[in-house]
Amino acid sequence: MREVMLYPGEDGYWVAECPSLRGCVSQGKTEEEALKNIKEAINCYIHALEEDNLPIPEEKFETKVVAV
């Protein structure tokens, strides 16, 4: 299970990021598509780490929302 941040991008697409996997970012035309795409990106990222015998970063789930 991974934390994912989802937000609208400047180009009208939805951006999805997985903060615990540095650089793991995807996007989609809709929120649903962006979530589907980030799930695939997370799986590919972890698979690549496993293939290279590299450690898989742990998930921390510490999220805070600050209203400004």
N, C-alpha and C. Protein backbone atom coordinates (compact mmCIF):
# COMPACT_ATOMS: atom_id res chain seq x y z
N MET A 1 0.86 -1.17 0.00
CA MET A 1 0.00 0.00 0.00
C MET A 1 0.91 1.24 0.00
N ARG A 2 0.61 2.19 -0.86
CA ARG A 2 1.42 3.40 -1.00
C ARG A 2 0.54 4.65 -0.95
N GLU A 3 1.08 5.69 -0.36
CA GLU A 3 0.42 6.99 -0.36
C GLU A 3 0.60 7.62 -1.74
N VAL A 4 -0.47 8.21 -2.26
CA VAL A 4 -0.42 8.87 -3.57
C VAL A 4 -1.02 10.26 -3.42
N MET A 5 -0.33 11.24 -3.98
CA MET A 5 -0.86 12.61 -4.04
C MET A 5 -1.45 12.80 -5.42
N LEU A 6 -2.63 13.36 -5.48
CA LEU A 6 -3.33 13.58 -6.74
C LEU A 6 -3.75 15.03 -6.81
N TYR A 7 -3.39 15.70 -7.92
CA TYR A 7 -3.73 17.11 -8.05
C TYR A 7 -3.83 17.49 -9.53
N PRO A 8 -4.60 18.55 -9.82
CA PRO A 8 -4.72 18.97 -11.22
C PRO A 8 -3.45 19.66 -11.69
N GLY A 9 -2.97 19.28 -12.87
CA GLY A 9 -1.79 19.89 -13.45
C GLY A 9 -2.15 21.14 -14.24
N GLU A 10 -1.15 21.88 -14.61
CA GLU A 10 -1.36 23.12 -15.37
C GLU A 10 -1.90 22.87 -16.77
N ASP A 11 -1.68 21.66 -17.29
CA ASP A 11 -2.10 21.34 -18.65
C ASP A 11 -3.50 20.73 -18.72
N GLY A 12 -4.21 20.68 -17.57
CA GLY A 12 -5.55 20.13 -17.56
C GLY A 12 -5.59 18.64 -17.23
N TYR A 13 -4.43 17.98 -17.20
CA TYR A 13 -4.36 16.58 -16.80
C TYR A 13 -4.24 16.49 -15.28
N TRP A 14 -4.58 15.33 -14.74
CA TRP A 14 -4.39 15.06 -13.32
C TRP A 14 -3.02 14.45 -13.12
N VAL A 15 -2.30 14.92 -12.11
CA VAL A 15 -0.97 14.43 -11.80
C VAL A 15 -1.07 13.55 -10.55
N ALA A 16 -0.39 12.41 -10.58
CA ALA A 16 -0.35 11.50 -9.43
C ALA A 16 1.11 11.23 -9.09
N GLU A 17 1.45 11.39 -7.81
CA GLU A 17 2.82 11.17 -7.34
C GLU A 17 2.81 10.21 -6.17
N CYS A 18 3.85 9.41 -6.07
CA CYS A 18 4.05 8.53 -4.92
C CYS A 18 5.28 9.05 -4.17
N PRO A 19 5.08 9.83 -3.10
CA PRO A 19 6.21 10.47 -2.41
C PRO A 19 7.27 9.51 -1.87
N SER A 20 6.88 8.31 -1.48
CA SER A 20 7.85 7.38 -0.90
C SER A 20 8.76 6.75 -1.95
N LEU A 21 8.40 6.90 -3.23
CA LEU A 21 9.21 6.38 -4.33
C LEU A 21 9.66 7.58 -5.16
N ARG A 22 10.81 8.13 -4.83
CA ARG A 22 11.31 9.36 -5.44
C ARG A 22 11.25 9.30 -6.97
N GLY A 23 10.57 10.29 -7.55
CA GLY A 23 10.47 10.39 -9.00
C GLY A 23 9.37 9.55 -9.62
N CYS A 24 8.58 8.86 -8.80
CA CYS A 24 7.49 8.04 -9.33
C CYS A 24 6.26 8.93 -9.51
N VAL A 25 6.05 9.37 -10.74
CA VAL A 25 4.99 10.32 -11.08
C VAL A 25 4.30 9.84 -12.35
N SER A 26 3.00 10.05 -12.43
CA SER A 26 2.25 9.75 -13.64
C SER A 26 1.15 10.78 -13.78
N GLN A 27 0.34 10.63 -14.82
CA GLN A 27 -0.77 11.55 -15.03
C GLN A 27 -1.86 10.87 -15.82
N GLY A 28 -3.00 11.54 -15.94
CA GLY A 28 -4.11 11.03 -16.73
C GLY A 28 -5.09 12.14 -17.03
N LYS A 29 -5.94 11.91 -18.01
CA LYS A 29 -6.94 12.91 -18.39
C LYS A 29 -7.99 13.08 -17.30
N THR A 30 -8.24 12.01 -16.53
CA THR A 30 -9.21 12.06 -15.43
C THR A 30 -8.51 11.58 -14.15
N GLU A 31 -9.14 11.80 -13.00
CA GLU A 31 -8.58 11.32 -11.74
C GLU A 31 -8.44 9.80 -11.78
N GLU A 32 -9.45 9.13 -12.30
CA GLU A 32 -9.43 7.67 -12.37
C GLU A 32 -8.28 7.17 -13.24
N GLU A 33 -8.06 7.82 -14.37
CA GLU A 33 -6.97 7.41 -15.26
C GLU A 33 -5.62 7.66 -14.60
N ALA A 34 -5.48 8.79 -13.91
CA ALA A 34 -4.23 9.10 -13.22
C ALA A 34 -3.94 8.06 -12.14
N LEU A 35 -4.97 7.64 -11.40
CA LEU A 35 -4.78 6.62 -10.37
C LEU A 35 -4.41 5.27 -10.97
N LYS A 36 -5.05 4.91 -12.07
CA LYS A 36 -4.71 3.67 -12.77
C LYS A 36 -3.25 3.72 -13.23
N ASN A 37 -2.85 4.84 -13.78
CA ASN A 37 -1.48 4.99 -14.29
C ASN A 37 -0.44 4.99 -13.18
N ILE A 38 -0.73 5.61 -12.03
CA ILE A 38 0.26 5.63 -10.95
C ILE A 38 0.39 4.25 -10.34
N LYS A 39 -0.68 3.48 -10.30
CA LYS A 39 -0.58 2.10 -9.80
C LYS A 39 0.38 1.31 -10.68
N GLU A 40 0.27 1.47 -11.97
CA GLU A 40 1.17 0.79 -12.90
C GLU A 40 2.61 1.28 -12.71
N ALA A 41 2.77 2.59 -12.54
CA ALA A 41 4.11 3.17 -12.35
C ALA A 41 4.74 2.65 -11.06
N ILE A 42 3.95 2.54 -9.99
CA ILE A 42 4.47 2.02 -8.71
C ILE A 42 4.92 0.58 -8.88
N ASN A 43 4.10 -0.24 -9.53
CA ASN A 43 4.46 -1.64 -9.77
C ASN A 43 5.74 -1.76 -10.58
N CYS A 44 5.88 -0.95 -11.62
CA CYS A 44 7.08 -0.98 -12.46
C CYS A 44 8.31 -0.51 -11.68
N TYR A 45 8.15 0.52 -10.87
CA TYR A 45 9.24 1.06 -10.06
C TYR A 45 9.76 -0.01 -9.11
N ILE A 46 8.84 -0.65 -8.38
CA ILE A 46 9.24 -1.68 -7.42
C ILE A 46 9.86 -2.87 -8.13
N HIS A 47 9.31 -3.25 -9.26
CA HIS A 47 9.86 -4.36 -10.04
C HIS A 47 11.31 -4.06 -10.46
N ALA A 48 11.55 -2.82 -10.90
CA ALA A 48 12.90 -2.43 -11.31
C ALA A 48 13.88 -2.48 -10.14
N LEU A 49 13.43 -2.04 -8.95
CA LEU A 49 14.29 -2.13 -7.77
C LEU A 49 14.62 -3.58 -7.44
N GLU A 50 13.61 -4.43 -7.51
CA GLU A 50 13.82 -5.86 -7.23
C GLU A 50 14.80 -6.48 -8.23
N GLU A 51 14.64 -6.14 -9.50
CA GLU A 51 15.55 -6.67 -10.53
C GLU A 51 17.00 -6.27 -10.28
N ASP A 52 17.19 -5.07 -9.75
CA ASP A 52 18.54 -4.55 -9.49
C ASP A 52 19.02 -4.86 -8.07
N ASN A 53 18.23 -5.67 -7.35
CA ASN A 53 18.57 -6.02 -5.96
C ASN A 53 18.78 -4.80 -5.08
N LEU A 54 17.96 -3.78 -5.28
CA LEU A 54 18.02 -2.56 -4.49
C LEU A 54 16.90 -2.58 -3.44
N PRO A 55 17.11 -1.91 -2.31
CA PRO A 55 16.07 -1.90 -1.27
C PRO A 55 14.83 -1.13 -1.73
N ILE A 56 13.69 -1.60 -1.28
CA ILE A 56 12.42 -0.94 -1.59
C ILE A 56 12.09 -0.01 -0.42
N PRO A 57 11.96 1.29 -0.69
CA PRO A 57 11.67 2.24 0.40
C PRO A 57 10.36 1.89 1.12
N GLU A 58 10.38 2.07 2.43
CA GLU A 58 9.18 1.84 3.22
C GLU A 58 8.21 3.00 3.06
N GLU A 59 6.94 2.71 3.27
CA GLU A 59 5.90 3.74 3.24
C GLU A 59 5.75 4.28 4.65
N LYS A 60 5.52 5.58 4.78
CA LYS A 60 5.41 6.19 6.11
C LYS A 60 4.02 6.72 6.44
N PHE A 61 3.23 7.09 5.48
CA PHE A 61 1.87 7.59 5.68
C PHE A 61 1.75 8.71 6.68
N GLU A 62 2.60 9.68 6.59
CA GLU A 62 2.48 10.88 7.43
C GLU A 62 2.10 12.05 6.56
N THR A 63 0.83 12.32 6.46
CA THR A 63 0.34 13.40 5.61
C THR A 63 -0.36 14.45 6.47
N LYS A 64 -0.04 15.68 6.18
CA LYS A 64 -0.71 16.79 6.86
C LYS A 64 -1.15 17.79 5.79
N VAL A 65 -2.32 18.31 5.96
CA VAL A 65 -2.83 19.32 5.04
C VAL A 65 -2.83 20.65 5.77
N VAL A 66 -2.28 21.67 5.14
CA VAL A 66 -2.20 22.99 5.75
C VAL A 66 -2.97 23.97 4.90
N ALA A 67 -3.94 24.63 5.48
CA ALA A 67 -4.70 25.64 4.76
C ALA A 67 -4.02 26.99 4.93
N VAL A 68 -3.82 27.68 3.81
CA VAL A 68 -3.14 28.97 3.85
C VAL A 68 -4.07 30.02 3.27
